[in-house]
Amino acid sequence: MENQEHHHNEHVHAEHTEERDYLVRGTALEGKVRAFAVRSTKLVEELRQRHDTYPTATAALGRTLTTAAMMGAMLKGEEKLTIQVKGNGPLGQIVADANAKGEVRGYVDHPHVHLPSNAMGKLDVAGAVGTEGFLYVIKDLGLKEPYRGSVPIVSGELGDDFTYYFAASEQTPSAVGLGVLVAPDNSVISAGGLIVQLLPGLSDDEIDAIERAISTLPPVSALIDQGLSPEELIKWVLPDVQIQETMDIVFRCECSRERVERTLISLGYDEIQAIIEEQGVAEVVCHFCNEAYQFEREDLEHILEQTRK
């Protein structure tokens, strides 16, 4: 599926503003096809604001966050996953975390990347991500060792790269469509995505029919822009889909002042002492949500005491 985005110069669609972000999971053909679709507009806009991403960076981070939300929905219970896209483009790495509860967070190394549009007049995500490098998926399934999968970046547009990841690393032929629409003021008009997965047991005719439907699918960003819900996205490809589950998607970061304190304590006595002597205060900023935690001299002295224990 094409990943297509562009800057919108028309009016911002009012109907997008109040709709909640949510994900649906459905099956078709007696469970031999499964699909996930998500509206992730508010999530992508929240992280755009937190990290001050420029449009091309917003599109790349948004596509990755959208995929993370859908891959999170493939997990169970307390399981969680991290996606890392490490390309050779100016963005550096893109990181997104998600869990089975619909909680997602993420960041990009260099948020102030915006490139001229590509030949199709779309945001040049491949130029920002790079066309060489690796896509990593790390799943914490509650076992001793996390599951790690990786594939080379094949296009840098991300939809194709995740499609390749599912085929090569999880042996599940999948189609991935992702869209992020950015307004002239850089805000996110709409974001969302669709993953359709073919499971064992399908006949050649069934596979052909689904592949035909996927090949005629307009860009996901265009469908989202028309106001299609996640259910309608899936029905475009799988008219007889049965929706199994609906789940809200939210931004959530696990950082807290307590966690940051524990990290500071782990630096050890000498390091804390040096911060007190050289700076007197410390500011720790969370990578994932850009929240800043301030520690005054007395806070640091209290932390110094903790390191002696």
C-alpha atoms as a PDB file:
ATOM      1  CA  MET A   1       0.000   0.000   0.000  1.00  0.00           C
ATOM      2  CA  GLU A   2       1.140   3.483  -0.707  1.00  0.00           C
ATOM      3  CA  ASN A   3       1.976   5.754   2.181  1.00  0.00           C
ATOM      4  CA  GLN A   4       0.982   9.166   1.006  1.00  0.00           C
ATOM      5  CA  GLU A   5       0.818  12.409   2.829  1.00  0.00           C
ATOM      6  CA  HIS A   6       0.780  15.996   1.926  1.00  0.00           C
ATOM      7  CA  HIS A   7       0.416  19.422   3.340  1.00  0.00           C
ATOM      8  CA  HIS A   8      -3.164  20.577   3.215  1.00  0.00           C
ATOM      9  CA  ASN A   9      -3.901  24.049   2.088  1.00  0.00           C
ATOM     10  CA  GLU A  10      -7.675  23.803   2.294  1.00  0.00           C
ATOM     11  CA  HIS A  11      -9.674  24.426   5.436  1.00  0.00           C
ATOM     12  CA  VAL A  12      -8.978  22.107   8.342  1.00  0.00           C
ATOM     13  CA  HIS A  13     -11.771  19.582   8.552  1.00  0.00           C
ATOM     14  CA  ALA A  14     -13.848  20.315  11.617  1.00  0.00           C
ATOM     15  CA  GLU A  15     -15.063  16.754  11.972  1.00  0.00           C
ATOM     16  CA  HIS A  16     -11.563  15.528  12.876  1.00  0.00           C
ATOM     17  CA  THR A  17     -11.122  17.698  15.920  1.00  0.00           C
ATOM     18  CA  GLU A  18     -13.342  16.014  18.508  1.00  0.00           C
ATOM     19  CA  GLU A  19     -13.070  12.376  17.472  1.00  0.00           C
ATOM     20  CA  ARG A  20     -11.329  10.040  19.868  1.00  0.00           C
ATOM     21  CA  ASP A  21      -8.387   7.873  18.898  1.00  0.00           C
ATOM     22  CA  TYR A  22      -9.254   4.201  18.852  1.00  0.00           C
ATOM     23  CA  LEU A  23      -8.287   0.890  17.332  1.00  0.00           C
ATOM     24  CA  VAL A  24     -10.363  -1.998  16.040  1.00  0.00           C
ATOM     25  CA  ARG A  25      -9.351  -5.596  15.519  1.00  0.00           C
ATOM     26  CA  GLY A  26     -11.360  -7.797  13.198  1.00  0.00           C
ATOM     27  CA  THR A  27     -11.268 -11.130  11.407  1.00  0.00           C
ATOM     28  CA  ALA A  28     -12.638 -12.409   8.103  1.00  0.00           C
ATOM     29  CA  LEU A  29     -12.834 -15.694   6.168  1.00  0.00           C
ATOM     30  CA  GLU A  30     -13.343 -17.864   9.278  1.00  0.00           C
ATOM     31  CA  GLY A  31     -10.470 -16.216  11.110  1.00  0.00           C
ATOM     32  CA  LYS A  32      -7.908 -16.833   8.341  1.00  0.00           C
ATOM     33  CA  VAL A  33      -7.486 -13.087   7.831  1.00  0.00           C
ATOM     34  CA  ARG A  34      -7.038 -10.634  10.652  1.00  0.00           C
ATOM     35  CA  ALA A  35      -6.955  -6.880  10.453  1.00  0.00           C
ATOM     36  CA  PHE A  36      -6.180  -3.935  12.689  1.00  0.00           C
ATOM     37  CA  ALA A  37      -7.087  -0.334  11.982  1.00  0.00           C
ATOM     38  CA  VAL A  38      -6.510   2.750  14.066  1.00  0.00           C
ATOM     39  CA  ARG A  39      -7.206   6.451  14.213  1.00  0.00           C
ATOM     40  CA  SER A  40      -4.171   8.023  15.882  1.00  0.00           C
ATOM     41  CA  THR A  41      -4.693  11.740  15.203  1.00  0.00           C
ATOM     42  CA  LYS A  42      -4.642  12.977  18.802  1.00  0.00           C
ATOM     43  CA  LEU A  43      -1.682  10.748  19.711  1.00  0.00           C
ATOM     44  CA  VAL A  44       0.450  12.024  16.825  1.00  0.00           C
ATOM     45  CA  GLU A  45      -0.564  15.649  17.498  1.00  0.00           C
ATOM     46  CA  GLU A  46       0.278  15.321  21.215  1.00  0.00           C
ATOM     47  CA  LEU A  47       3.764  14.049  20.414  1.00  0.00           C
ATOM     48  CA  ARG A  48       4.206  16.668  17.682  1.00  0.00           C
ATOM     49  CA  GLN A  49       3.527  19.342  20.288  1.00  0.00           C
ATOM     50  CA  ARG A  50       5.723  17.757  22.948  1.00  0.00           C
ATOM     51  CA  HIS A  51       8.696  17.315  20.621  1.00  0.00           C
ATOM     52  CA  ASP A  52       8.031  20.240  18.267  1.00  0.00           C
ATOM     53  CA  THR A  53       8.390  18.000  15.221  1.00  0.00           C
ATOM     54  CA  TYR A  54       8.475  19.604  11.766  1.00  0.00           C
ATOM     55  CA  PRO A  55       6.145  18.155   9.075  1.00  0.00           C
ATOM     56  CA  THR A  56       8.401  15.474   7.570  1.00  0.00           C
ATOM     57  CA  ALA A  57       9.495  14.384  11.057  1.00  0.00           C
ATOM     58  CA  THR A  58       5.826  14.415  12.157  1.00  0.00           C
ATOM     59  CA  ALA A  59       4.898  12.090   9.283  1.00  0.00           C
ATOM     60  CA  ALA A  60       7.750   9.654  10.027  1.00  0.00           C
ATOM     61  CA  LEU A  61       7.129   9.607  13.781  1.00  0.00           C
ATOM     62  CA  GLY A  62       3.361   9.434  13.197  1.00  0.00           C
ATOM     63  CA  ARG A  63       3.628   6.415  10.900  1.00  0.00           C
ATOM     64  CA  THR A  64       5.820   4.650  13.461  1.00  0.00           C
ATOM     65  CA  LEU A  65       3.512   5.481  16.406  1.00  0.00           C
ATOM     66  CA  THR A  66       0.493   4.301  14.389  1.00  0.00           C
ATOM     67  CA  THR A  67       2.171   0.981  13.612  1.00  0.00           C
ATOM     68  CA  ALA A  68       3.241   0.601  17.248  1.00  0.00           C
ATOM     69  CA  ALA A  69      -0.382   1.050  18.382  1.00  0.00           C
ATOM     70  CA  MET A  70      -1.536  -1.724  16.030  1.00  0.00           C
ATOM     71  CA  MET A  71       1.342  -4.052  16.950  1.00  0.00           C
ATOM     72  CA  GLY A  72       0.590  -3.396  20.622  1.00  0.00           C
ATOM     73  CA  ALA A  73      -2.930  -4.690  20.000  1.00  0.00           C
ATOM     74  CA  MET A  74      -1.377  -8.000  18.880  1.00  0.00           C
ATOM     75  CA  LEU A  75       0.029  -8.450  22.406  1.00  0.00           C
ATOM     76  CA  LYS A  76      -1.690  -9.650  25.576  1.00  0.00           C
ATOM     77  CA  GLY A  77      -1.797  -8.684  29.251  1.00  0.00           C
ATOM     78  CA  GLU A  78       1.320  -6.870  30.442  1.00  0.00           C
ATOM     79  CA  GLU A  79       3.313  -7.485  27.255  1.00  0.00           C
ATOM     80  CA  LYS A  80       4.881  -4.473  25.544  1.00  0.00           C
ATOM     81  CA  LEU A  81       7.068  -3.666  22.561  1.00  0.00           C
ATOM     82  CA  THR A  82       9.492  -1.110  21.237  1.00  0.00           C
ATOM     83  CA  ILE A  83      10.032  -0.231  17.571  1.00  0.00           C
ATOM     84  CA  GLN A  84      13.337   1.382  16.588  1.00  0.00           C
ATOM     85  CA  VAL A  85      13.907   2.681  13.066  1.00  0.00           C
ATOM     86  CA  LYS A  86      17.584   3.438  12.571  1.00  0.00           C
ATOM     87  CA  GLY A  87      18.068   4.822   9.089  1.00  0.00           C
ATOM     88  CA  ASN A  88      20.860   6.879   7.545  1.00  0.00           C
ATOM     89  CA  GLY A  89      18.695   9.979   7.034  1.00  0.00           C
ATOM     90  CA  PRO A  90      18.719  13.271   8.964  1.00  0.00           C
ATOM     91  CA  LEU A  91      16.044  12.150  11.476  1.00  0.00           C
ATOM     92  CA  GLY A  92      18.448   9.802  13.255  1.00  0.00           C
ATOM     93  CA  GLN A  93      16.461   7.104  15.008  1.00  0.00           C
ATOM     94  CA  ILE A  94      12.709   6.918  15.543  1.00  0.00           C
ATOM     95  CA  VAL A  95      11.551   5.086  18.665  1.00  0.00           C
ATOM     96  CA  ALA A  96       8.001   4.097  19.639  1.00  0.00           C
ATOM     97  CA  ASP A  97       6.770   2.082  22.637  1.00  0.00           C
ATOM     98  CA  ALA A  98       3.341   0.461  22.885  1.00  0.00           C
ATOM     99  CA  ASN A  99       1.550  -2.076  25.032  1.00  0.00           C
ATOM    100  CA  ALA A 100      -1.560  -4.259  24.894  1.00  0.00           C
ATOM    101  CA  LYS A 101      -3.619  -1.579  26.675  1.00  0.00           C
ATOM    102  CA  GLY A 102      -3.457   0.985  23.868  1.00  0.00           C
ATOM    103  CA  GLU A 103      -0.802   3.155  25.522  1.00  0.00           C
ATOM    104  CA  VAL A 104       1.796   4.589  23.139  1.00  0.00           C
ATOM    105  CA  ARG A 105       4.750   7.000  23.356  1.00  0.00           C
ATOM    106  CA  GLY A 106       7.667   7.850  21.099  1.00  0.00           C
ATOM    107  CA  TYR A 107      10.285  10.281  19.888  1.00  0.00           C
ATOM    108  CA  VAL A 108      12.653  11.024  17.056  1.00  0.00           C
ATOM    109  CA  ASP A 109      16.311  12.001  17.532  1.00  0.00           C
ATOM    110  CA  HIS A 110      16.112  15.140  15.371  1.00  0.00           C
ATOM    111  CA  PRO A 111      12.559  16.540  15.379  1.00  0.00           C
ATOM    112  CA  HIS A 112      13.420  19.677  13.374  1.00  0.00           C
ATOM    113  CA  VAL A 113      13.675  17.912  10.021  1.00  0.00           C
ATOM    114  CA  HIS A 114      11.569  19.084   7.116  1.00  0.00           C
ATOM    115  CA  LEU A 115      12.524  18.278   3.533  1.00  0.00           C
ATOM    116  CA  PRO A 116      11.159  19.560   0.233  1.00  0.00           C
ATOM    117  CA  SER A 117       8.287  17.426  -1.071  1.00  0.00           C
ATOM    118  CA  ASN A 118       9.215  14.403  -3.169  1.00  0.00           C
ATOM    119  CA  ALA A 119       8.436  13.936  -6.875  1.00  0.00           C
ATOM    120  CA  MET A 120       4.839  12.958  -6.030  1.00  0.00           C
ATOM    121  CA  GLY A 121       4.303  16.197  -4.096  1.00  0.00           C
ATOM    122  CA  LYS A 122       4.195  14.255  -0.815  1.00  0.00           C
ATOM    123  CA  LEU A 123       6.148  14.614   2.390  1.00  0.00           C
ATOM    124  CA  ASP A 124       9.519  12.956   1.755  1.00  0.00           C
ATOM    125  CA  VAL A 125       9.566  10.473   4.619  1.00  0.00           C
ATOM    126  CA  ALA A 126      12.117   8.196   2.922  1.00  0.00           C
ATOM    127  CA  GLY A 127      14.463  11.160   2.563  1.00  0.00           C
ATOM    128  CA  ALA A 128      14.137  11.908   6.287  1.00  0.00           C
ATOM    129  CA  VAL A 129      14.379   8.292   7.491  1.00  0.00           C
ATOM    130  CA  GLY A 130      17.009   7.204   4.980  1.00  0.00           C
ATOM    131  CA  THR A 131      16.956   4.199   2.682  1.00  0.00           C
ATOM    132  CA  GLU A 132      19.708   2.257   4.444  1.00  0.00           C
ATOM    133  CA  GLY A 133      19.719   0.976   7.980  1.00  0.00           C
ATOM    134  CA  PHE A 134      17.580  -1.349  10.090  1.00  0.00           C
ATOM    135  CA  LEU A 135      14.141  -1.607  11.623  1.00  0.00           C
ATOM    136  CA  TYR A 136      14.117  -3.329  15.017  1.00  0.00           C
ATOM    137  CA  VAL A 137      11.205  -4.688  17.027  1.00  0.00           C
ATOM    138  CA  ILE A 138      11.840  -5.662  20.652  1.00  0.00           C
ATOM    139  CA  LYS A 139       8.963  -7.422  22.437  1.00  0.00           C
ATOM    140  CA  ASP A 140       8.880  -7.874  26.194  1.00  0.00           C
ATOM    141  CA  LEU A 141       6.656 -10.931  26.536  1.00  0.00           C
ATOM    142  CA  GLY A 142       7.407 -11.458  30.234  1.00  0.00           C
ATOM    143  CA  LEU A 143      10.022 -14.108  29.455  1.00  0.00           C
ATOM    144  CA  LYS A 144      13.660 -14.041  30.581  1.00  0.00           C
ATOM    145  CA  GLU A 145      14.850 -12.718  27.238  1.00  0.00           C
ATOM    146  CA  PRO A 146      12.941 -10.220  25.093  1.00  0.00           C
ATOM    147  CA  TYR A 147      12.084 -11.218  21.524  1.00  0.00           C
ATOM    148  CA  ARG A 148      14.159  -9.246  19.026  1.00  0.00           C
ATOM    149  CA  GLY A 149      13.451  -9.059  15.321  1.00  0.00           C
ATOM    150  CA  SER A 150      15.173  -6.911  12.747  1.00  0.00           C
ATOM    151  CA  VAL A 151      15.046  -6.316   9.022  1.00  0.00           C
ATOM    152  CA  PRO A 152      16.975  -4.003   6.711  1.00  0.00           C
ATOM    153  CA  ILE A 153      15.134  -0.843   5.686  1.00  0.00           C
ATOM    154  CA  VAL A 154      13.785  -1.504   2.180  1.00  0.00           C
ATOM    155  CA  SER A 155      12.212   1.844   1.263  1.00  0.00           C
ATOM    156  CA  GLY A 156      12.334   4.283   4.169  1.00  0.00           C
ATOM    157  CA  GLU A 157       8.656   5.123   3.612  1.00  0.00           C
ATOM    158  CA  LEU A 158       7.940   2.846   6.613  1.00  0.00           C
ATOM    159  CA  GLY A 159       4.712   1.175   5.383  1.00  0.00           C
ATOM    160  CA  ASP A 160       6.752  -1.001   3.002  1.00  0.00           C
ATOM    161  CA  ASP A 161       9.367  -1.528   5.701  1.00  0.00           C
ATOM    162  CA  PHE A 162       6.832  -2.840   8.224  1.00  0.00           C
ATOM    163  CA  THR A 163       5.282  -5.008   5.487  1.00  0.00           C
ATOM    164  CA  TYR A 164       8.733  -6.529   4.943  1.00  0.00           C
ATOM    165  CA  TYR A 165       9.241  -6.951   8.699  1.00  0.00           C
ATOM    166  CA  PHE A 166       6.030  -8.999   9.070  1.00  0.00           C
ATOM    167  CA  ALA A 167       6.902 -11.209   6.102  1.00  0.00           C
ATOM    168  CA  ALA A 168      10.566 -11.770   6.974  1.00  0.00           C
ATOM    169  CA  SER A 169      10.616 -11.672  10.772  1.00  0.00           C
ATOM    170  CA  GLU A 170       7.167 -12.949  11.744  1.00  0.00           C
ATOM    171  CA  GLN A 171       6.444 -15.041   8.601  1.00  0.00           C
ATOM    172  CA  THR A 172       3.014 -13.398   8.313  1.00  0.00           C
ATOM    173  CA  PRO A 173       2.240 -11.898   4.890  1.00  0.00           C
ATOM    174  CA  SER A 174       0.755  -8.498   5.705  1.00  0.00           C
ATOM    175  CA  ALA A 175      -0.258  -5.280   4.045  1.00  0.00           C
ATOM    176  CA  VAL A 176       0.456  -2.084   5.966  1.00  0.00           C
ATOM    177  CA  GLY A 177      -1.077   1.282   5.062  1.00  0.00           C
ATOM    178  CA  LEU A 178      -0.205   4.401   7.051  1.00  0.00           C
ATOM    179  CA  GLY A 179      -1.199   8.032   6.693  1.00  0.00           C
ATOM    180  CA  VAL A 180      -0.456  11.311   8.443  1.00  0.00           C
ATOM    181  CA  LEU A 181      -1.895  14.580   7.142  1.00  0.00           C
ATOM    182  CA  VAL A 182      -0.205  17.780   8.275  1.00  0.00           C
ATOM    183  CA  ALA A 183      -1.829  21.228   8.115  1.00  0.00           C
ATOM    184  CA  PRO A 184      -0.058  24.424   6.937  1.00  0.00           C
ATOM    185  CA  ASP A 185       0.393  25.421  10.614  1.00  0.00           C
ATOM    186  CA  ASN A 186       2.257  22.069  11.096  1.00  0.00           C
ATOM    187  CA  SER A 187      -0.497  20.559  13.256  1.00  0.00           C
ATOM    188  CA  VAL A 188      -1.814  17.057  12.552  1.00  0.00           C
ATOM    189  CA  ILE A 189      -5.133  17.026  10.679  1.00  0.00           C
ATOM    190  CA  SER A 190      -5.467  13.264  10.810  1.00  0.00           C
ATOM    191  CA  ALA A 191      -3.409  10.118  11.281  1.00  0.00           C
ATOM    192  CA  GLY A 192      -4.183   6.445  11.122  1.00  0.00           C
ATOM    193  CA  GLY A 193      -3.370   3.105   9.637  1.00  0.00           C
ATOM    194  CA  LEU A 194      -4.403  -0.383   8.633  1.00  0.00           C
ATOM    195  CA  ILE A 195      -2.696  -3.771   8.847  1.00  0.00           C
ATOM    196  CA  VAL A 196      -4.222  -6.787   7.079  1.00  0.00           C
ATOM    197  CA  GLN A 197      -2.588 -10.153   7.833  1.00  0.00           C
ATOM    198  CA  LEU A 198      -3.048 -13.398   5.916  1.00  0.00           C
ATOM    199  CA  LEU A 199      -2.958 -16.458   8.181  1.00  0.00           C
ATOM    200  CA  PRO A 200      -2.426 -20.087   7.089  1.00  0.00           C
ATOM    201  CA  GLY A 201      -5.263 -21.954   5.394  1.00  0.00           C
ATOM    202  CA  LEU A 202      -6.368 -19.448   2.742  1.00  0.00           C
ATOM    203  CA  SER A 203      -7.024 -20.713  -0.775  1.00  0.00           C
ATOM    204  CA  ASP A 204      -5.252 -19.102  -3.743  1.00  0.00           C
ATOM    205  CA  ASP A 205      -8.560 -17.567  -4.852  1.00  0.00           C
ATOM    206  CA  GLU A 206      -9.127 -16.005  -1.433  1.00  0.00           C
ATOM    207  CA  ILE A 207      -5.582 -14.630  -1.386  1.00  0.00           C
ATOM    208  CA  ASP A 208      -6.022 -13.198  -4.916  1.00  0.00           C
ATOM    209  CA  ALA A 209      -9.298 -11.488  -3.936  1.00  0.00           C
ATOM    210  CA  ILE A 210      -7.741  -9.860  -0.866  1.00  0.00           C
ATOM    211  CA  GLU A 211      -4.642  -8.791  -2.786  1.00  0.00           C
ATOM    212  CA  ARG A 212      -6.877  -7.223  -5.446  1.00  0.00           C
ATOM    213  CA  ALA A 213      -8.809  -5.303  -2.782  1.00  0.00           C
ATOM    214  CA  ILE A 214      -5.569  -4.096  -1.205  1.00  0.00           C
ATOM    215  CA  SER A 215      -4.124  -3.028  -4.561  1.00  0.00           C
ATOM    216  CA  THR A 216      -7.172  -0.818  -5.256  1.00  0.00           C
ATOM    217  CA  LEU A 217      -7.133   0.780  -1.796  1.00  0.00           C
ATOM    218  CA  PRO A 218      -6.650   4.561  -2.032  1.00  0.00           C
ATOM    219  CA  PRO A 219      -3.919   6.076   0.169  1.00  0.00           C
ATOM    220  CA  VAL A 220      -4.922   5.540   3.791  1.00  0.00           C
ATOM    221  CA  SER A 221      -4.357   9.233   4.495  1.00  0.00           C
ATOM    222  CA  ALA A 222      -6.962  10.105   1.830  1.00  0.00           C
ATOM    223  CA  LEU A 223      -9.507   7.716   3.384  1.00  0.00           C
ATOM    224  CA  ILE A 224      -8.881   9.102   6.864  1.00  0.00           C
ATOM    225  CA  ASP A 225      -9.189  12.619   5.479  1.00  0.00           C
ATOM    226  CA  GLN A 226     -12.610  11.676   4.098  1.00  0.00           C
ATOM    227  CA  GLY A 227     -13.596  10.854   7.671  1.00  0.00           C
ATOM    228  CA  LEU A 228     -13.526   7.054   7.387  1.00  0.00           C
ATOM    229  CA  SER A 229     -13.570   5.352  10.777  1.00  0.00           C
ATOM    230  CA  PRO A 230     -11.194   2.472  11.591  1.00  0.00           C
ATOM    231  CA  GLU A 231     -14.105   0.048  11.022  1.00  0.00           C
ATOM    232  CA  GLU A 232     -14.693   1.504   7.561  1.00  0.00           C
ATOM    233  CA  LEU A 233     -10.988   1.266   6.728  1.00  0.00           C
ATOM    234  CA  ILE A 234     -11.051  -2.477   7.380  1.00  0.00           C
ATOM    235  CA  LYS A 235     -14.341  -2.930   5.489  1.00  0.00           C
ATOM    236  CA  TRP A 236     -12.781  -1.341   2.420  1.00  0.00           C
ATOM    237  CA  VAL A 237     -10.527  -4.381   2.091  1.00  0.00           C
ATOM    238  CA  LEU A 238     -12.623  -7.001   3.954  1.00  0.00           C
ATOM    239  CA  PRO A 239     -16.343  -6.257   3.445  1.00  0.00           C
ATOM    240  CA  ASP A 240     -17.375  -9.299   5.534  1.00  0.00           C
ATOM    241  CA  VAL A 241     -15.133  -8.425   8.489  1.00  0.00           C
ATOM    242  CA  GLN A 242     -16.316  -9.257  11.992  1.00  0.00           C
ATOM    243  CA  ILE A 243     -15.099  -6.691  14.522  1.00  0.00           C
ATOM    244  CA  GLN A 244     -13.733  -8.527  17.559  1.00  0.00           C
ATOM    245  CA  GLU A 245     -12.507  -5.705  19.722  1.00  0.00           C
ATOM    246  CA  THR A 246     -12.381  -1.917  20.019  1.00  0.00           C
ATOM    247  CA  MET A 247      -9.791  -0.186  22.176  1.00  0.00           C
ATOM    248  CA  ASP A 248      -8.962   3.439  22.961  1.00  0.00           C
ATOM    249  CA  ILE A 249      -5.464   4.578  21.963  1.00  0.00           C
ATOM    250  CA  VAL A 250      -3.800   7.095  24.277  1.00  0.00           C
ATOM    251  CA  PHE A 251      -0.465   8.775  24.776  1.00  0.00           C
ATOM    252  CA  ARG A 252       1.073   7.677  28.048  1.00  0.00           C
ATOM    253  CA  CYS A 253       4.616   7.975  29.323  1.00  0.00           C
ATOM    254  CA  GLU A 254       5.893   5.971  32.265  1.00  0.00           C
ATOM    255  CA  CYS A 255       8.243   8.667  33.464  1.00  0.00           C
ATOM    256  CA  SER A 256       7.748  10.215  36.899  1.00  0.00           C
ATOM    257  CA  ARG A 257       9.774  12.244  39.343  1.00  0.00           C
ATOM    258  CA  GLU A 258      10.322   9.065  41.396  1.00  0.00           C
ATOM    259  CA  ARG A 259      11.724   7.213  38.408  1.00  0.00           C
ATOM    260  CA  VAL A 260      14.042  10.073  37.542  1.00  0.00           C
ATOM    261  CA  GLU A 261      15.211  10.186  41.169  1.00  0.00           C
ATOM    262  CA  ARG A 262      16.012   6.466  41.044  1.00  0.00           C
ATOM    263  CA  THR A 263      18.031   7.058  37.871  1.00  0.00           C
ATOM    264  CA  LEU A 264      19.949   9.881  39.548  1.00  0.00           C
ATOM    265  CA  ILE A 265      20.621   7.716  42.640  1.00  0.00           C
ATOM    266  CA  SER A 266      22.009   5.009  40.341  1.00  0.00           C
ATOM    267  CA  LEU A 267      24.632   7.490  39.068  1.00  0.00           C
ATOM    268  CA  GLY A 268      26.400   7.098  42.407  1.00  0.00           C
ATOM    269  CA  TYR A 269      27.851   9.398  45.052  1.00  0.00           C
ATOM    270  CA  ASP A 270      30.733  10.913  43.076  1.00  0.00           C
ATOM    271  CA  GLU A 271      28.615  11.815  40.071  1.00  0.00           C
ATOM    272  CA  ILE A 272      25.909  13.505  42.186  1.00  0.00           C
ATOM    273  CA  GLN A 273      28.556  15.327  44.220  1.00  0.00           C
ATOM    274  CA  ALA A 274      30.081  16.642  40.983  1.00  0.00           C
ATOM    275  CA  ILE A 275      26.668  17.909  39.763  1.00  0.00           C
ATOM    276  CA  ILE A 276      26.110  19.736  43.073  1.00  0.00           C
ATOM    277  CA  GLU A 277      29.577  21.318  42.957  1.00  0.00           C
ATOM    278  CA  GLU A 278      29.560  22.235  39.280  1.00  0.00           C
ATOM    279  CA  GLN A 279      25.916  23.143  38.622  1.00  0.00           C
ATOM    280  CA  GLY A 280      24.122  23.194  41.950  1.00  0.00           C
ATOM    281  CA  VAL A 281      20.898  22.197  40.173  1.00  0.00           C
ATOM    282  CA  ALA A 282      19.909  19.552  37.628  1.00  0.00           C
ATOM    283  CA  GLU A 283      17.257  19.308  34.950  1.00  0.00           C
ATOM    284  CA  VAL A 284      16.433  15.877  33.592  1.00  0.00           C
ATOM    285  CA  VAL A 285      14.302  15.701  30.451  1.00  0.00           C
ATOM    286  CA  CYS A 286      12.443  12.521  29.480  1.00  0.00           C
ATOM    287  CA  HIS A 287      13.361  11.417  25.964  1.00  0.00           C
ATOM    288  CA  PHE A 288       9.903  10.021  25.283  1.00  0.00           C
ATOM    289  CA  CYS A 289       7.657  12.890  26.318  1.00  0.00           C
ATOM    290  CA  ASN A 290       9.980  15.886  26.761  1.00  0.00           C
ATOM    291  CA  GLU A 291       8.768  16.441  30.326  1.00  0.00           C
ATOM    292  CA  ALA A 292      11.432  18.305  32.332  1.00  0.00           C
ATOM    293  CA  TYR A 293      12.137  17.460  35.964  1.00  0.00           C
ATOM    294  CA  GLN A 294      13.922  20.113  38.036  1.00  0.00           C
ATOM    295  CA  PHE A 295      16.108  19.210  40.990  1.00  0.00           C
ATOM    296  CA  GLU A 296      17.287  22.054  43.253  1.00  0.00           C
ATOM    297  CA  ARG A 297      20.404  21.880  45.430  1.00  0.00           C
ATOM    298  CA  GLU A 298      18.501  20.476  48.448  1.00  0.00           C
ATOM    299  CA  ASP A 299      16.861  17.831  46.241  1.00  0.00           C
ATOM    300  CA  LEU A 300      20.292  16.776  44.996  1.00  0.00           C
ATOM    301  CA  GLU A 301      21.683  16.723  48.542  1.00  0.00           C
ATOM    302  CA  HIS A 302      18.802  14.460  49.563  1.00  0.00           C
ATOM    303  CA  ILE A 303      19.610  12.176  46.587  1.00  0.00           C
ATOM    304  CA  LEU A 304      23.281  12.224  47.599  1.00  0.00           C
ATOM    305  CA  GLU A 305      22.250  10.878  51.018  1.00  0.00           C
ATOM    306  CA  GLN A 306      20.367   8.042  49.308  1.00  0.00           C
ATOM    307  CA  THR A 307      23.511   6.925  47.457  1.00  0.00           C
ATOM    308  CA  ARG A 308      25.288   6.228  50.784  1.00  0.00           C
ATOM    309  CA  LYS A 309      22.696   3.632  51.798  1.00  0.00           C
END
